Amino acid sequence: KDLPRATILSSLERKKKRGKSTPVTIEDKTGADRIFLRSLINVDAKAATPGWMSRRLTQCGMRPISIAVDITNYVMLELGQPLHAFDASKISGTLKVQRAGKFKEIITLDNQKRKLSSEDLLIADDKKPLALAGTMGGLESEVTEFTVSIALEAAHFDSVAIAQNSRRHMLSSEASRRFERGVDPELAEIASARAAQLLMEYAGATYVGSSIKKSPLKLSSVSIT
């Protein structure tokens, strides 16, 4: 059943409970212009992915992995917006969109140690890199069976920055291929809300708030002759 955008967003906010949400900021505004970070606690990371979702993922050529990963993948296929779930307990301070700068390496989810270029676009915290932005998450902040709190990220990244990440590391992913081709900047808000609701429904999670950073969209006029 299709639900209006406003219905999904208002439904999520009505279910919000008191709790601490992970703060977020965009330090490199050339790399992203908006990011939504939904914070959830009491997550049952061992919960089984519902059969209908596993079947749909499999039919689309994706292997079911775990409830959190499966939900982010399902919403990506459903709406076209890549998302990433971080174990919130492994985030030190503020989650940031930034260039690699002083960070020298990251171990990605495929268990590969990757040497970072100072120009790589990252998701990082106050102490360490957490992910190659829009490309692949880092092993250190991976959601595991022991995870009980999740920071669910959806952002609108610059397509060129993600293409450069992918080329430099010879790493093409479902997320990077979509960002390289362009994703509707309005999708991040609704996709992150949708995924949060699914985590509440199927993993028993409690939603405790969102951190949001965004710039006004620059609309360009198009003339057809």
N, C-alpha and C. Protein backbone atom coordinates (compact mmCIF):
# COMPACT_ATOMS: atom_id res chain seq x y z
N LYS A 1 0.84 -1.19 0.00
CA LYS A 1 0.00 0.00 0.00
C LYS A 1 0.88 1.25 0.00
N ASP A 2 0.60 2.16 -0.94
CA ASP A 2 1.35 3.41 -1.00
C ASP A 2 0.84 4.38 0.06
N LEU A 3 1.78 5.01 0.77
CA LEU A 3 1.41 5.98 1.78
C LEU A 3 1.99 7.34 1.40
N PRO A 4 1.23 8.42 1.62
CA PRO A 4 1.76 9.76 1.32
C PRO A 4 3.00 10.04 2.16
N ARG A 5 3.88 10.84 1.60
CA ARG A 5 5.13 11.21 2.28
C ARG A 5 4.86 11.77 3.67
N ALA A 6 3.90 12.69 3.77
CA ALA A 6 3.61 13.34 5.05
C ALA A 6 3.13 12.32 6.08
N THR A 7 2.41 11.31 5.63
CA THR A 7 1.90 10.29 6.55
C THR A 7 3.04 9.49 7.16
N ILE A 8 4.01 9.12 6.34
CA ILE A 8 5.16 8.35 6.84
C ILE A 8 5.96 9.17 7.84
N LEU A 9 6.23 10.43 7.52
CA LEU A 9 7.04 11.27 8.39
C LEU A 9 6.32 11.57 9.71
N SER A 10 5.05 11.88 9.64
CA SER A 10 4.31 12.20 10.86
C SER A 10 4.13 10.96 11.74
N SER A 11 3.95 9.79 11.09
CA SER A 11 3.80 8.55 11.85
C SER A 11 5.07 8.25 12.63
N LEU A 12 6.23 8.47 12.01
CA LEU A 12 7.49 8.23 12.71
C LEU A 12 7.64 9.15 13.91
N GLU A 13 7.34 10.42 13.73
CA GLU A 13 7.49 11.38 14.83
C GLU A 13 6.52 11.10 15.98
N ARG A 14 5.35 10.59 15.68
CA ARG A 14 4.40 10.26 16.74
C ARG A 14 4.89 9.11 17.61
N LYS A 15 5.73 8.26 17.04
CA LYS A 15 6.24 7.10 17.77
C LYS A 15 7.57 7.39 18.48
N LYS A 16 8.03 8.61 18.39
CA LYS A 16 9.31 8.98 18.99
C LYS A 16 9.25 8.91 20.51
N LYS A 17 10.29 8.32 21.10
CA LYS A 17 10.43 8.24 22.55
C LYS A 17 11.63 9.08 22.99
N ARG A 18 11.71 9.32 24.28
CA ARG A 18 12.83 10.10 24.80
C ARG A 18 14.10 9.26 24.75
N GLY A 19 15.17 9.92 24.36
CA GLY A 19 16.45 9.23 24.28
C GLY A 19 17.48 10.11 23.59
N LYS A 20 18.70 9.66 23.56
CA LYS A 20 19.80 10.43 22.99
C LYS A 20 20.01 10.04 21.53
N SER A 21 20.00 11.03 20.66
CA SER A 21 20.27 10.78 19.24
C SER A 21 21.69 11.20 18.90
N THR A 22 22.26 10.54 17.91
CA THR A 22 23.63 10.83 17.48
C THR A 22 23.66 12.11 16.65
N PRO A 23 24.49 13.10 17.01
CA PRO A 23 24.54 14.34 16.21
C PRO A 23 25.26 14.13 14.88
N VAL A 24 24.94 14.98 13.91
CA VAL A 24 25.52 14.86 12.58
C VAL A 24 25.85 16.25 12.04
N THR A 25 26.87 16.33 11.20
CA THR A 25 27.21 17.59 10.55
C THR A 25 27.86 17.31 9.20
N ILE A 26 27.80 18.30 8.33
CA ILE A 26 28.47 18.22 7.02
C ILE A 26 29.62 19.20 7.04
N GLU A 27 30.84 18.68 7.10
CA GLU A 27 32.01 19.55 7.14
C GLU A 27 32.47 19.93 5.73
N ASP A 28 32.23 19.05 4.77
CA ASP A 28 32.58 19.34 3.38
C ASP A 28 31.30 19.46 2.57
N LYS A 29 30.87 20.69 2.34
CA LYS A 29 29.59 20.92 1.66
C LYS A 29 29.68 20.71 0.15
N THR A 30 30.89 20.47 -0.37
CA THR A 30 31.01 20.10 -1.78
C THR A 30 30.73 18.61 -1.96
N GLY A 31 30.77 17.86 -0.87
CA GLY A 31 30.58 16.42 -0.95
C GLY A 31 29.16 15.97 -0.69
N ALA A 32 28.39 16.77 0.05
CA ALA A 32 27.00 16.43 0.36
C ALA A 32 26.25 17.70 0.71
N ASP A 33 24.95 17.73 0.39
CA ASP A 33 24.18 18.91 0.74
C ASP A 33 23.06 18.60 1.73
N ARG A 34 22.87 17.31 2.06
CA ARG A 34 21.89 16.97 3.09
C ARG A 34 22.14 15.58 3.63
N ILE A 35 21.87 15.41 4.91
CA ILE A 35 22.02 14.11 5.55
C ILE A 35 20.99 14.00 6.67
N PHE A 36 20.38 12.84 6.75
CA PHE A 36 19.40 12.52 7.79
C PHE A 36 19.94 11.33 8.58
N LEU A 37 20.00 11.47 9.89
CA LEU A 37 20.51 10.41 10.76
C LEU A 37 19.43 10.07 11.78
N ARG A 38 18.82 8.90 11.62
CA ARG A 38 17.77 8.44 12.53
C ARG A 38 18.38 7.56 13.61
N SER A 39 18.10 7.85 14.87
CA SER A 39 18.66 7.08 15.98
C SER A 39 17.62 6.14 16.55
N LEU A 40 18.01 4.86 16.70
CA LEU A 40 17.11 3.84 17.22
C LEU A 40 17.83 3.03 18.29
N ILE A 41 17.09 2.67 19.34
CA ILE A 41 17.64 1.86 20.42
C ILE A 41 16.79 0.59 20.58
N ASN A 42 17.22 -0.26 21.50
CA ASN A 42 16.50 -1.52 21.77
C ASN A 42 16.33 -2.37 20.52
N VAL A 43 17.33 -2.33 19.65
CA VAL A 43 17.27 -3.08 18.40
C VAL A 43 17.58 -4.56 18.67
N ASP A 44 16.76 -5.43 18.13
CA ASP A 44 17.04 -6.87 18.17
C ASP A 44 17.72 -7.25 16.87
N ALA A 45 19.05 -7.17 16.87
CA ALA A 45 19.82 -7.42 15.65
C ALA A 45 19.76 -8.88 15.20
N LYS A 46 19.29 -9.76 16.08
CA LYS A 46 19.19 -11.17 15.74
C LYS A 46 17.81 -11.53 15.17
N ALA A 47 16.92 -10.55 15.10
CA ALA A 47 15.58 -10.81 14.59
C ALA A 47 15.66 -11.33 13.15
N ALA A 48 14.74 -12.22 12.83
CA ALA A 48 14.72 -12.80 11.48
C ALA A 48 14.11 -11.81 10.48
N THR A 49 14.73 -11.74 9.31
CA THR A 49 14.15 -10.95 8.23
C THR A 49 12.86 -11.63 7.77
N PRO A 50 11.77 -10.87 7.62
CA PRO A 50 10.52 -11.51 7.18
C PRO A 50 10.69 -12.19 5.82
N GLY A 51 9.98 -13.29 5.66
CA GLY A 51 10.13 -14.07 4.44
C GLY A 51 9.86 -13.30 3.17
N TRP A 52 8.84 -12.44 3.20
CA TRP A 52 8.51 -11.69 1.98
C TRP A 52 9.65 -10.76 1.57
N MET A 53 10.35 -10.19 2.57
CA MET A 53 11.46 -9.29 2.27
C MET A 53 12.65 -10.08 1.72
N SER A 54 12.96 -11.21 2.34
CA SER A 54 14.06 -12.06 1.86
C SER A 54 13.81 -12.49 0.42
N ARG A 55 12.58 -12.86 0.11
CA ARG A 55 12.26 -13.30 -1.25
C ARG A 55 12.45 -12.17 -2.25
N ARG A 56 12.02 -10.98 -1.89
CA ARG A 56 12.15 -9.84 -2.81
C ARG A 56 13.61 -9.47 -3.03
N LEU A 57 14.39 -9.51 -1.97
CA LEU A 57 15.82 -9.23 -2.12
C LEU A 57 16.47 -10.27 -3.04
N THR A 58 16.16 -11.53 -2.81
CA THR A 58 16.73 -12.60 -3.62
C THR A 58 16.32 -12.45 -5.08
N GLN A 59 15.07 -12.12 -5.32
CA GLN A 59 14.59 -11.93 -6.69
C GLN A 59 15.29 -10.78 -7.40
N CYS A 60 15.79 -9.84 -6.60
CA CYS A 60 16.52 -8.69 -7.17
C CYS A 60 18.03 -8.95 -7.22
N GLY A 61 18.45 -10.18 -6.89
CA GLY A 61 19.86 -10.53 -6.98
C GLY A 61 20.68 -10.18 -5.77
N MET A 62 20.03 -9.90 -4.63
CA MET A 62 20.76 -9.55 -3.40
C MET A 62 20.59 -10.66 -2.37
N ARG A 63 21.66 -10.94 -1.66
CA ARG A 63 21.65 -12.01 -0.65
C ARG A 63 21.20 -11.46 0.70
N PRO A 64 20.15 -12.03 1.31
CA PRO A 64 19.77 -11.61 2.66
C PRO A 64 20.92 -11.84 3.64
N ILE A 65 21.18 -10.86 4.51
CA ILE A 65 22.32 -10.93 5.42
C ILE A 65 21.89 -10.86 6.88
N SER A 66 21.20 -9.79 7.24
CA SER A 66 20.71 -9.60 8.61
C SER A 66 19.57 -8.61 8.54
N ILE A 67 18.80 -8.50 9.60
CA ILE A 67 17.62 -7.65 9.57
C ILE A 67 17.97 -6.20 9.24
N ALA A 68 19.00 -5.65 9.85
CA ALA A 68 19.35 -4.24 9.60
C ALA A 68 19.84 -4.02 8.18
N VAL A 69 20.72 -4.88 7.71
CA VAL A 69 21.25 -4.75 6.36
C VAL A 69 20.15 -5.00 5.33
N ASP A 70 19.32 -5.99 5.60
CA ASP A 70 18.25 -6.32 4.65
C ASP A 70 17.25 -5.18 4.52
N ILE A 71 16.94 -4.52 5.62
CA ILE A 71 16.00 -3.40 5.56
C ILE A 71 16.60 -2.24 4.76
N THR A 72 17.86 -1.91 4.99
CA THR A 72 18.46 -0.81 4.22
C THR A 72 18.53 -1.17 2.74
N ASN A 73 18.84 -2.42 2.42
CA ASN A 73 18.88 -2.83 1.02
C ASN A 73 17.49 -2.82 0.40
N TYR A 74 16.50 -3.28 1.17
CA TYR A 74 15.14 -3.31 0.64
C TYR A 74 14.63 -1.90 0.33
N VAL A 75 14.86 -0.97 1.24
CA VAL A 75 14.40 0.40 1.02
C VAL A 75 15.15 1.03 -0.16
N MET A 76 16.42 0.70 -0.32
CA MET A 76 17.17 1.19 -1.48
C MET A 76 16.52 0.71 -2.77
N LEU A 77 16.15 -0.55 -2.83
CA LEU A 77 15.50 -1.09 -4.02
C LEU A 77 14.10 -0.51 -4.20
N GLU A 78 13.41 -0.28 -3.09
CA GLU A 78 12.04 0.22 -3.12
C GLU A 78 11.97 1.67 -3.58
N LEU A 79 12.89 2.52 -3.07
CA LEU A 79 12.80 3.95 -3.30
C LEU A 79 13.96 4.53 -4.12
N GLY A 80 15.06 3.79 -4.21
CA GLY A 80 16.20 4.29 -4.98
C GLY A 80 17.24 5.04 -4.18
N GLN A 81 17.05 5.13 -2.86
CA GLN A 81 17.98 5.86 -1.99
C GLN A 81 18.85 4.89 -1.19
N PRO A 82 20.16 4.88 -1.44
CA PRO A 82 21.04 4.06 -0.58
C PRO A 82 21.04 4.58 0.85
N LEU A 83 21.15 3.65 1.81
CA LEU A 83 21.23 3.98 3.23
C LEU A 83 22.34 3.16 3.86
N HIS A 84 22.74 3.56 5.06
CA HIS A 84 23.71 2.76 5.79
C HIS A 84 23.37 2.77 7.28
N ALA A 85 23.46 1.60 7.91
CA ALA A 85 23.20 1.47 9.34
C ALA A 85 24.53 1.32 10.08
N PHE A 86 24.80 2.24 11.00
CA PHE A 86 25.99 2.19 11.84
C PHE A 86 25.59 1.69 13.23
N ASP A 87 26.49 0.95 13.86
CA ASP A 87 26.31 0.63 15.28
C ASP A 87 26.59 1.92 16.05
N ALA A 88 25.55 2.50 16.63
CA ALA A 88 25.69 3.81 17.27
C ALA A 88 26.66 3.80 18.44
N SER A 89 26.81 2.66 19.10
CA SER A 89 27.72 2.58 20.24
C SER A 89 29.18 2.71 19.82
N LYS A 90 29.45 2.55 18.54
CA LYS A 90 30.82 2.63 18.04
C LYS A 90 31.14 3.99 17.44
N ILE A 91 30.22 4.94 17.56
CA ILE A 91 30.43 6.29 17.05
C ILE A 91 30.89 7.18 18.20
N SER A 92 32.04 7.82 18.02
CA SER A 92 32.59 8.73 19.03
C SER A 92 32.22 10.16 18.68
N GLY A 93 31.33 10.75 19.46
CA GLY A 93 30.96 12.14 19.23
C GLY A 93 30.01 12.31 18.06
N THR A 94 30.38 13.19 17.14
CA THR A 94 29.52 13.58 16.03
C THR A 94 29.85 12.80 14.76
N LEU A 95 28.82 12.37 14.05
CA LEU A 95 29.02 11.76 12.75
C LEU A 95 29.16 12.87 11.71
N LYS A 96 30.17 12.77 10.85
CA LYS A 96 30.51 13.87 9.95
C LYS A 96 30.68 13.39 8.51
N VAL A 97 30.28 14.25 7.57
CA VAL A 97 30.65 14.07 6.17
C VAL A 97 31.86 14.96 5.94
N GLN A 98 33.00 14.37 5.58
CA GLN A 98 34.22 15.14 5.43
C GLN A 98 35.18 14.45 4.47
N ARG A 99 36.21 15.18 4.06
CA ARG A 99 37.29 14.57 3.29
C ARG A 99 38.21 13.81 4.24
N ALA A 100 38.96 12.88 3.70
CA ALA A 100 39.79 12.02 4.55
C ALA A 100 40.83 12.82 5.32
N GLY A 101 41.44 13.83 4.65
CA GLY A 101 42.42 14.66 5.35
C GLY A 101 43.51 13.85 6.02
N LYS A 102 43.55 13.90 7.35
CA LYS A 102 44.62 13.24 8.11
C LYS A 102 44.43 11.74 8.22
N PHE A 103 43.23 11.23 7.97
CA PHE A 103 43.00 9.79 8.09
C PHE A 103 43.73 9.05 6.97
N LYS A 104 44.42 7.99 7.32
CA LYS A 104 45.29 7.31 6.36
C LYS A 104 44.72 6.01 5.80
N GLU A 105 43.86 5.34 6.56
CA GLU A 105 43.35 4.06 6.08
C GLU A 105 42.03 3.71 6.74
N ILE A 106 41.34 2.79 6.08
CA ILE A 106 40.08 2.27 6.62
C ILE A 106 39.96 0.81 6.19
N ILE A 107 39.40 -0.01 7.06
CA ILE A 107 39.06 -1.38 6.68
C ILE A 107 37.58 -1.41 6.37
N THR A 108 37.25 -1.71 5.13
CA THR A 108 35.85 -1.69 4.69
C THR A 108 35.17 -3.02 5.00
N LEU A 109 33.86 -3.07 4.76
CA LEU A 109 33.07 -4.24 5.13
C LEU A 109 33.48 -5.51 4.40
N ASP A 110 34.18 -5.37 3.28
CA ASP A 110 34.69 -6.56 2.58
C ASP A 110 36.01 -7.04 3.17
N ASN A 111 36.37 -6.47 4.34
CA ASN A 111 37.57 -6.85 5.09
C ASN A 111 38.87 -6.48 4.36
N GLN A 112 38.81 -5.45 3.54
CA GLN A 112 39.99 -4.96 2.83
C GLN A 112 40.51 -3.68 3.50
N LYS A 113 41.81 -3.65 3.76
CA LYS A 113 42.42 -2.43 4.29
C LYS A 113 42.72 -1.51 3.11
N ARG A 114 42.17 -0.31 3.13
CA ARG A 114 42.29 0.60 2.00
C ARG A 114 43.05 1.86 2.42
N LYS A 115 44.07 2.18 1.66
CA LYS A 115 44.82 3.41 1.89
C LYS A 115 44.00 4.57 1.37
N LEU A 116 43.81 5.58 2.21
CA LEU A 116 42.96 6.70 1.85
C LEU A 116 43.73 7.83 1.18
N SER A 117 43.10 8.40 0.17
CA SER A 117 43.56 9.65 -0.40
C SER A 117 43.00 10.78 0.45
N SER A 118 43.72 11.86 0.58
CA SER A 118 43.22 12.98 1.39
C SER A 118 41.92 13.55 0.82
N GLU A 119 41.65 13.26 -0.47
CA GLU A 119 40.44 13.77 -1.12
C GLU A 119 39.27 12.82 -1.07
N ASP A 120 39.44 11.63 -0.52
CA ASP A 120 38.32 10.70 -0.40
C ASP A 120 37.23 11.31 0.47
N LEU A 121 35.98 11.13 0.05
CA LEU A 121 34.86 11.60 0.85
C LEU A 121 34.47 10.50 1.84
N LEU A 122 34.43 10.87 3.12
CA LEU A 122 34.19 9.89 4.18
C LEU A 122 32.97 10.24 5.02
N ILE A 123 32.47 9.22 5.71
CA ILE A 123 31.68 9.42 6.92
C ILE A 123 32.65 9.09 8.05
N ALA A 124 32.80 10.00 8.98
CA ALA A 124 33.75 9.82 10.08
C ALA A 124 33.10 10.30 11.37
N ASP A 125 33.79 10.02 12.48
CA ASP A 125 33.38 10.61 13.75
C ASP A 125 34.53 11.46 14.27
N ASP A 126 34.53 11.76 15.55
CA ASP A 126 35.57 12.66 16.09
C ASP A 126 36.95 12.01 16.12
N LYS A 127 37.01 10.68 15.96
CA LYS A 127 38.29 10.00 16.12
C LYS A 127 38.73 9.17 14.92
N LYS A 128 37.80 8.73 14.09
CA LYS A 128 38.16 7.73 13.08
C LYS A 128 37.22 7.77 11.89
N PRO A 129 37.67 7.22 10.75
CA PRO A 129 36.77 7.07 9.60
C PRO A 129 35.81 5.92 9.84
N LEU A 130 34.56 6.09 9.40
CA LEU A 130 33.54 5.08 9.59
C LEU A 130 33.09 4.42 8.29
N ALA A 131 33.25 5.14 7.17
CA ALA A 131 32.79 4.60 5.89
C ALA A 131 33.36 5.42 4.75
N LEU A 132 33.52 4.79 3.60
CA LEU A 132 33.75 5.52 2.36
C LEU A 132 32.37 6.00 1.93
N ALA A 133 32.15 7.30 2.01
CA ALA A 133 30.81 7.84 1.82
C ALA A 133 30.19 7.36 0.51
N GLY A 134 28.95 6.89 0.60
CA GLY A 134 28.21 6.50 -0.59
C GLY A 134 28.77 5.31 -1.33
N THR A 135 29.74 4.63 -0.72
CA THR A 135 30.44 3.55 -1.43
C THR A 135 30.40 2.25 -0.63
N MET A 136 31.00 2.25 0.56
CA MET A 136 30.97 1.06 1.42
C MET A 136 31.27 1.45 2.86
N GLY A 137 30.60 0.78 3.79
CA GLY A 137 30.81 1.03 5.20
C GLY A 137 32.13 0.49 5.69
N GLY A 138 32.50 0.90 6.88
CA GLY A 138 33.72 0.42 7.51
C GLY A 138 33.42 -0.72 8.47
N LEU A 139 34.39 -1.61 8.61
CA LEU A 139 34.21 -2.79 9.47
C LEU A 139 34.06 -2.41 10.94
N GLU A 140 34.73 -1.32 11.35
CA GLU A 140 34.77 -0.96 12.77
C GLU A 140 33.41 -0.53 13.31
N SER A 141 32.55 0.01 12.44
CA SER A 141 31.23 0.48 12.90
C SER A 141 30.10 -0.41 12.38
N GLU A 142 30.44 -1.62 11.97
CA GLU A 142 29.46 -2.55 11.41
C GLU A 142 28.40 -2.95 12.45
N VAL A 143 27.17 -3.10 11.99
CA VAL A 143 26.11 -3.66 12.82
C VAL A 143 26.30 -5.17 12.91
N THR A 144 26.35 -5.69 14.13
CA THR A 144 26.54 -7.12 14.35
C THR A 144 25.36 -7.69 15.15
N GLU A 145 25.43 -8.95 15.46
CA GLU A 145 24.36 -9.58 16.24
C GLU A 145 24.29 -9.02 17.66
N PHE A 146 25.34 -8.34 18.10
CA PHE A 146 25.38 -7.76 19.45
C PHE A 146 24.92 -6.30 19.48
N THR A 147 24.63 -5.73 18.33
CA THR A 147 24.21 -4.33 18.24
C THR A 147 22.85 -4.13 18.89
N VAL A 148 22.73 -3.06 19.67
CA VAL A 148 21.44 -2.73 20.28
C VAL A 148 20.98 -1.31 19.94
N SER A 149 21.88 -0.51 19.36
CA SER A 149 21.50 0.85 18.95
C SER A 149 22.07 1.12 17.56
N ILE A 150 21.26 1.78 16.75
CA ILE A 150 21.63 2.02 15.36
C ILE A 150 21.49 3.50 15.02
N ALA A 151 22.46 4.01 14.28
CA ALA A 151 22.37 5.32 13.65
C ALA A 151 22.18 5.06 12.16
N LEU A 152 21.00 5.39 11.68
CA LEU A 152 20.61 5.07 10.30
C LEU A 152 20.81 6.30 9.43
N GLU A 153 21.72 6.19 8.48
CA GLU A 153 22.11 7.36 7.67
C GLU A 153 21.58 7.30 6.25
N ALA A 154 21.04 8.43 5.80
CA ALA A 154 20.67 8.62 4.40
C ALA A 154 21.10 10.02 4.01
N ALA A 155 21.85 10.13 2.92
CA ALA A 155 22.40 11.43 2.53
C ALA A 155 22.28 11.62 1.03
N HIS A 156 22.41 12.87 0.63
CA HIS A 156 22.51 13.18 -0.79
C HIS A 156 23.93 13.63 -1.06
N PHE A 157 24.71 12.74 -1.67
CA PHE A 157 26.12 13.00 -1.93
C PHE A 157 26.34 13.53 -3.35
N ASP A 158 27.42 14.24 -3.51
CA ASP A 158 27.82 14.72 -4.83
C ASP A 158 28.21 13.53 -5.70
N SER A 159 27.64 13.42 -6.88
CA SER A 159 27.88 12.26 -7.73
C SER A 159 29.33 12.13 -8.16
N VAL A 160 30.01 13.25 -8.40
CA VAL A 160 31.41 13.20 -8.81
C VAL A 160 32.29 12.70 -7.66
N ALA A 161 32.02 13.14 -6.45
CA ALA A 161 32.81 12.70 -5.29
C ALA A 161 32.69 11.20 -5.09
N ILE A 162 31.49 10.66 -5.27
CA ILE A 162 31.31 9.21 -5.10
C ILE A 162 31.97 8.45 -6.23
N ALA A 163 31.88 8.98 -7.44
CA ALA A 163 32.56 8.34 -8.58
C ALA A 163 34.07 8.30 -8.34
N GLN A 164 34.61 9.36 -7.78
CA GLN A 164 36.05 9.39 -7.50
C GLN A 164 36.41 8.40 -6.41
N ASN A 165 35.59 8.29 -5.37
CA ASN A 165 35.81 7.26 -4.34
C ASN A 165 35.88 5.88 -4.99
N SER A 166 34.89 5.61 -5.81
CA SER A 166 34.78 4.29 -6.44
C SER A 166 35.97 3.98 -7.34
N ARG A 167 36.38 4.96 -8.14
CA ARG A 167 37.50 4.73 -9.07
C ARG A 167 38.82 4.59 -8.33
N ARG A 168 39.05 5.45 -7.34
CA ARG A 168 40.32 5.40 -6.62
C ARG A 168 40.51 4.05 -5.92
N HIS A 169 39.43 3.50 -5.42
CA HIS A 169 39.55 2.25 -4.66
C HIS A 169 39.11 1.02 -5.46
N MET A 170 38.81 1.25 -6.75
CA MET A 170 38.35 0.16 -7.62
C MET A 170 37.25 -0.64 -6.90
N LEU A 171 36.27 0.12 -6.39
CA LEU A 171 35.22 -0.45 -5.54
C LEU A 171 33.87 0.06 -6.02
N SER A 172 33.15 -0.79 -6.72
CA SER A 172 31.81 -0.45 -7.20
C SER A 172 30.79 -1.20 -6.37
N SER A 173 29.81 -0.48 -5.84
CA SER A 173 28.79 -1.09 -4.99
C SER A 173 27.41 -0.67 -5.49
N GLU A 174 26.37 -1.32 -4.95
CA GLU A 174 25.01 -0.95 -5.29
C GLU A 174 24.77 0.53 -4.97
N ALA A 175 25.32 0.98 -3.84
CA ALA A 175 25.15 2.38 -3.44
C ALA A 175 25.91 3.32 -4.37
N SER A 176 27.18 3.03 -4.63
CA SER A 176 27.99 3.95 -5.44
C SER A 176 27.43 4.07 -6.86
N ARG A 177 26.95 2.98 -7.42
CA ARG A 177 26.41 3.04 -8.78
C ARG A 177 25.19 3.96 -8.85
N ARG A 178 24.39 3.95 -7.80
CA ARG A 178 23.23 4.84 -7.79
C ARG A 178 23.63 6.29 -7.58
N PHE A 179 24.52 6.55 -6.64
CA PHE A 179 24.94 7.93 -6.40
C PHE A 179 25.67 8.53 -7.60
N GLU A 180 26.48 7.72 -8.27
CA GLU A 180 27.20 8.22 -9.44
C GLU A 180 26.25 8.70 -10.53
N ARG A 181 25.11 8.05 -10.65
CA ARG A 181 24.15 8.38 -11.70
C ARG A 181 23.16 9.46 -11.26
N GLY A 182 23.17 9.76 -9.97
CA GLY A 182 22.31 10.81 -9.46
C GLY A 182 21.09 10.27 -8.75
N VAL A 183 20.88 10.71 -7.51
CA VAL A 183 19.74 10.32 -6.69
C VAL A 183 18.96 11.57 -6.34
N ASP A 184 17.65 11.49 -6.38
CA ASP A 184 16.79 12.61 -6.01
C ASP A 184 17.13 13.08 -4.60
N PRO A 185 17.50 14.34 -4.44
CA PRO A 185 17.89 14.82 -3.10
C PRO A 185 16.76 14.77 -2.08
N GLU A 186 15.52 14.72 -2.53
CA GLU A 186 14.39 14.67 -1.60
C GLU A 186 14.17 13.28 -1.02
N LEU A 187 14.84 12.26 -1.56
CA LEU A 187 14.60 10.89 -1.13
C LEU A 187 15.18 10.56 0.25
N ALA A 188 16.27 11.22 0.63
CA ALA A 188 16.96 10.85 1.87
C ALA A 188 16.04 10.93 3.07
N GLU A 189 15.21 11.95 3.14
CA GLU A 189 14.32 12.12 4.29
C GLU A 189 13.30 11.00 4.39
N ILE A 190 12.62 10.72 3.29
CA ILE A 190 11.55 9.73 3.33
C ILE A 190 12.09 8.31 3.43
N ALA A 191 13.23 8.03 2.75
CA ALA A 191 13.80 6.68 2.80
C ALA A 191 14.30 6.34 4.20
N SER A 192 14.92 7.31 4.88
CA SER A 192 15.41 7.05 6.23
C SER A 192 14.25 6.84 7.20
N ALA A 193 13.16 7.57 7.00
CA ALA A 193 11.98 7.38 7.85
C ALA A 193 11.36 6.01 7.60
N ARG A 194 11.29 5.62 6.33
CA ARG A 194 10.73 4.32 5.97
C ARG A 194 11.56 3.18 6.59
N ALA A 195 12.86 3.28 6.48
CA ALA A 195 13.73 2.23 7.05
C ALA A 195 13.62 2.19 8.57
N ALA A 196 13.53 3.36 9.20
CA ALA A 196 13.37 3.40 10.66
C ALA A 196 12.09 2.70 11.08
N GLN A 197 11.01 2.94 10.34
CA GLN A 197 9.74 2.29 10.66
C GLN A 197 9.82 0.78 10.52
N LEU A 198 10.53 0.30 9.50
CA LEU A 198 10.68 -1.14 9.31
C LEU A 198 11.52 -1.76 10.43
N LEU A 199 12.54 -1.03 10.90
CA LEU A 199 13.32 -1.52 12.04
C LEU A 199 12.47 -1.59 13.31
N MET A 200 11.57 -0.65 13.46
CA MET A 200 10.67 -0.68 14.61
C MET A 200 9.71 -1.86 14.50
N GLU A 201 9.23 -2.11 13.30
CA GLU A 201 8.25 -3.17 13.11
C GLU A 201 8.84 -4.57 13.20
N TYR A 202 10.03 -4.75 12.61
CA TYR A 202 10.58 -6.10 12.49
C TYR A 202 11.77 -6.40 13.39
N ALA A 203 12.37 -5.36 13.99
CA ALA A 203 13.50 -5.59 14.89
C ALA A 203 13.22 -5.04 16.29
N GLY A 204 11.98 -4.66 16.54
CA GLY A 204 11.59 -4.20 17.87
C GLY A 204 12.26 -2.91 18.31
N ALA A 205 12.78 -2.12 17.37
CA ALA A 205 13.54 -0.92 17.72
C ALA A 205 12.64 0.19 18.25
N THR A 206 13.26 1.08 19.02
CA THR A 206 12.59 2.28 19.53
C THR A 206 13.25 3.50 18.89
N TYR A 207 12.46 4.34 18.28
CA TYR A 207 12.97 5.55 17.63
C TYR A 207 13.10 6.67 18.66
N VAL A 208 14.29 7.29 18.74
CA VAL A 208 14.52 8.32 19.76
C VAL A 208 14.90 9.69 19.17
N GLY A 209 14.84 9.81 17.85
CA GLY A 209 15.09 11.13 17.29
C GLY A 209 15.98 11.13 16.07
N SER A 210 16.08 12.30 15.46
CA SER A 210 16.86 12.47 14.24
C SER A 210 17.77 13.67 14.34
N SER A 211 18.90 13.59 13.68
CA SER A 211 19.78 14.73 13.48
C SER A 211 19.81 15.01 11.98
N ILE A 212 19.64 16.27 11.61
CA ILE A 212 19.49 16.62 10.20
C ILE A 212 20.35 17.83 9.87
N LYS A 213 21.04 17.74 8.76
CA LYS A 213 21.75 18.90 8.20
C LYS A 213 21.42 18.96 6.72
N LYS A 214 20.99 20.13 6.26
CA LYS A 214 20.67 20.25 4.84
C LYS A 214 20.78 21.70 4.39
N SER A 215 21.08 21.83 3.11
CA SER A 215 21.15 23.14 2.47
C SER A 215 19.94 23.26 1.55
N PRO A 216 19.50 24.50 1.28
CA PRO A 216 18.39 24.67 0.35
C PRO A 216 18.74 24.08 -1.02
N LEU A 217 17.78 23.43 -1.64
CA LEU A 217 18.02 22.86 -2.96
C LEU A 217 18.14 23.97 -3.99
N LYS A 218 19.11 23.83 -4.89
CA LYS A 218 19.28 24.78 -5.97
C LYS A 218 18.53 24.26 -7.19
N LEU A 219 17.45 24.95 -7.50
CA LEU A 219 16.61 24.53 -8.63
C LEU A 219 17.05 25.26 -9.89
N SER A 220 17.21 24.52 -10.96
CA SER A 220 17.60 25.12 -12.23
C SER A 220 16.42 25.02 -13.20
N SER A 221 16.27 26.05 -13.99
CA SER A 221 15.19 26.06 -14.96
C SER A 221 15.63 25.37 -16.23
N VAL A 222 14.70 24.70 -16.87
CA VAL A 222 14.97 23.99 -18.11
C VAL A 222 14.02 24.52 -19.18
N SER A 223 14.58 24.88 -20.31
CA SER A 223 13.75 25.34 -21.42
C SER A 223 13.73 24.29 -22.52
N ILE A 224 12.56 24.02 -23.03
CA ILE A 224 12.40 23.03 -24.10
C ILE A 224 11.98 23.75 -25.37
N THR A 225 12.76 23.53 -26.39
CA THR A 225 12.47 24.20 -27.67
C THR A 225 12.16 23.19 -28.76
